[in-house]
């Protein structure tokens, strides 16, 4: 059975670009993070869950735990995920402000 928790830290404030150049850098960071099918699959999984996910991401993907960890780190670095250490593992969930910003940026293209 999957273990879902509301363990992630509170959502961050919505990112606001101070210039078009900064907006382009933020958008490029999101695009880079989503430039791999596995990261897209992870993001979709977390959006569908609507809660934190601890550990079972590896069970749902046909790749090694270390590879999943690297993909999660990329998504977190881009600001699309939040994570919190829960004992020996990390729980992850969507960063709603970043996801909203990415959607808005895509609509504004």
Protein backbone atom coordinates (compact mmCIF):
# COMPACT_ATOMS: atom_id res chain seq x y z
CA UNK A 1 0.00 0.00 0.00
CA UNK A 2 1.34 3.42 -0.85
CA UNK A 3 2.21 5.76 1.96
CA UNK A 4 0.87 9.28 1.44
CA UNK A 5 1.54 12.01 3.93
CA UNK A 6 1.16 15.73 4.27
CA UNK A 7 4.77 16.02 5.34
CA UNK A 8 6.26 18.56 2.97
CA UNK A 9 7.12 22.06 4.13
CA UNK A 10 4.67 24.85 3.47
CA UNK A 11 4.49 26.09 -0.14
CA UNK A 12 6.92 28.82 -1.02
CA UNK A 13 5.78 32.24 -2.13
CA UNK A 14 5.04 32.47 -5.82
CA UNK A 15 8.14 33.35 -7.78
CA UNK A 16 7.91 36.64 -9.61
CA UNK A 17 10.42 37.59 -12.27
CA UNK A 18 11.72 41.12 -12.02
CA UNK A 19 12.54 41.32 -15.72
CA UNK A 20 11.91 39.52 -18.98
CA UNK A 21 15.45 38.15 -18.84
CA UNK A 22 14.84 36.69 -15.38
CA UNK A 23 11.50 35.25 -16.55
CA UNK A 24 13.30 33.57 -19.45
CA UNK A 25 15.88 32.10 -17.04
CA UNK A 26 13.15 30.74 -14.77
CA UNK A 27 11.26 29.27 -17.73
CA UNK A 28 14.46 27.70 -19.10
CA UNK A 29 15.10 26.10 -15.69
CA UNK A 30 11.61 24.59 -15.67
CA UNK A 31 12.03 23.38 -19.26
CA UNK A 32 15.41 21.83 -18.51
CA UNK A 33 14.00 20.02 -15.49
CA UNK A 34 11.16 18.66 -17.63
CA UNK A 35 13.50 17.72 -20.47
CA UNK A 36 13.52 14.04 -19.54
CA UNK A 37 10.53 11.68 -19.83
CA UNK A 38 11.16 10.20 -16.39
CA UNK A 39 10.99 13.62 -14.74
CA UNK A 40 7.74 14.33 -16.59
CA UNK A 41 6.37 10.99 -15.33
CA UNK A 42 7.41 11.82 -11.76
CA UNK A 43 5.78 15.24 -11.93
CA UNK A 44 2.55 13.78 -13.35
CA UNK A 45 2.51 11.14 -10.61
CA UNK A 46 2.85 13.76 -7.89
CA UNK A 47 0.19 16.00 -9.46
CA UNK A 48 -2.25 13.07 -9.59
CA UNK A 49 -1.56 12.10 -5.96
CA UNK A 50 -2.28 15.59 -4.60
CA UNK A 51 -0.26 14.67 -1.52
CA UNK A 52 3.28 13.91 -0.48
CA UNK A 53 4.84 10.69 -1.69
CA UNK A 54 7.45 8.86 0.34
CA UNK A 55 9.41 6.03 -1.17
CA UNK A 56 6.94 4.49 -3.57
CA UNK A 57 8.07 6.56 -6.56
CA UNK A 58 10.75 3.91 -7.11
CA UNK A 59 8.10 1.16 -7.02
CA UNK A 60 6.15 2.81 -9.83
CA UNK A 61 9.03 3.46 -12.23
CA UNK A 62 11.14 0.86 -14.04
CA UNK A 63 14.45 2.45 -12.99
CA UNK A 64 16.89 2.19 -10.11
CA UNK A 65 16.40 4.11 -6.87
CA UNK A 66 19.60 6.09 -7.42
CA UNK A 67 18.35 7.24 -10.83
CA UNK A 68 14.99 8.26 -9.40
CA UNK A 69 16.83 10.25 -6.72
CA UNK A 70 18.83 12.12 -9.37
CA UNK A 71 15.63 12.99 -11.27
CA UNK A 72 13.92 14.15 -8.07
CA UNK A 73 16.93 16.34 -7.28
CA UNK A 74 16.66 18.01 -10.70
CA UNK A 75 12.95 18.72 -10.24
CA UNK A 76 13.57 20.07 -6.74
CA UNK A 77 16.49 22.24 -7.94
CA UNK A 78 14.19 23.79 -10.57
CA UNK A 79 11.69 24.55 -7.79
CA UNK A 80 8.93 22.28 -9.10
CA UNK A 81 8.99 20.01 -6.03
CA UNK A 82 9.20 20.36 -2.28
CA UNK A 83 10.76 17.69 -0.13
CA UNK A 84 11.22 16.93 3.51
CA UNK A 85 13.37 14.32 5.21
CA UNK A 86 11.24 11.78 7.05
CA UNK A 87 13.62 9.44 8.83
CA UNK A 88 15.68 7.51 6.27
CA UNK A 89 13.73 8.79 3.26
CA UNK A 90 12.51 12.00 1.70
CA UNK A 91 8.87 12.80 1.03
CA UNK A 92 8.12 14.82 -2.10
CA UNK A 93 5.19 16.87 -3.32
CA UNK A 94 4.46 19.48 -5.94
CA UNK A 95 5.44 23.12 -5.39
CA UNK A 96 2.08 24.64 -6.41
CA UNK A 97 3.34 28.18 -6.94
CA UNK A 98 6.07 27.05 -9.32
CA UNK A 99 3.68 24.81 -11.22
CA UNK A 100 1.20 27.69 -11.57
CA UNK A 101 3.97 29.98 -12.77
CA UNK A 102 5.13 27.41 -15.34
CA UNK A 103 1.57 27.01 -16.65
CA UNK A 104 1.16 30.80 -16.91
CA UNK A 105 4.49 31.13 -18.71
CA UNK A 106 3.43 28.47 -21.21
CA UNK A 107 0.12 30.24 -21.82
CA UNK A 108 1.94 33.56 -22.38
CA UNK A 109 4.25 32.19 -25.10
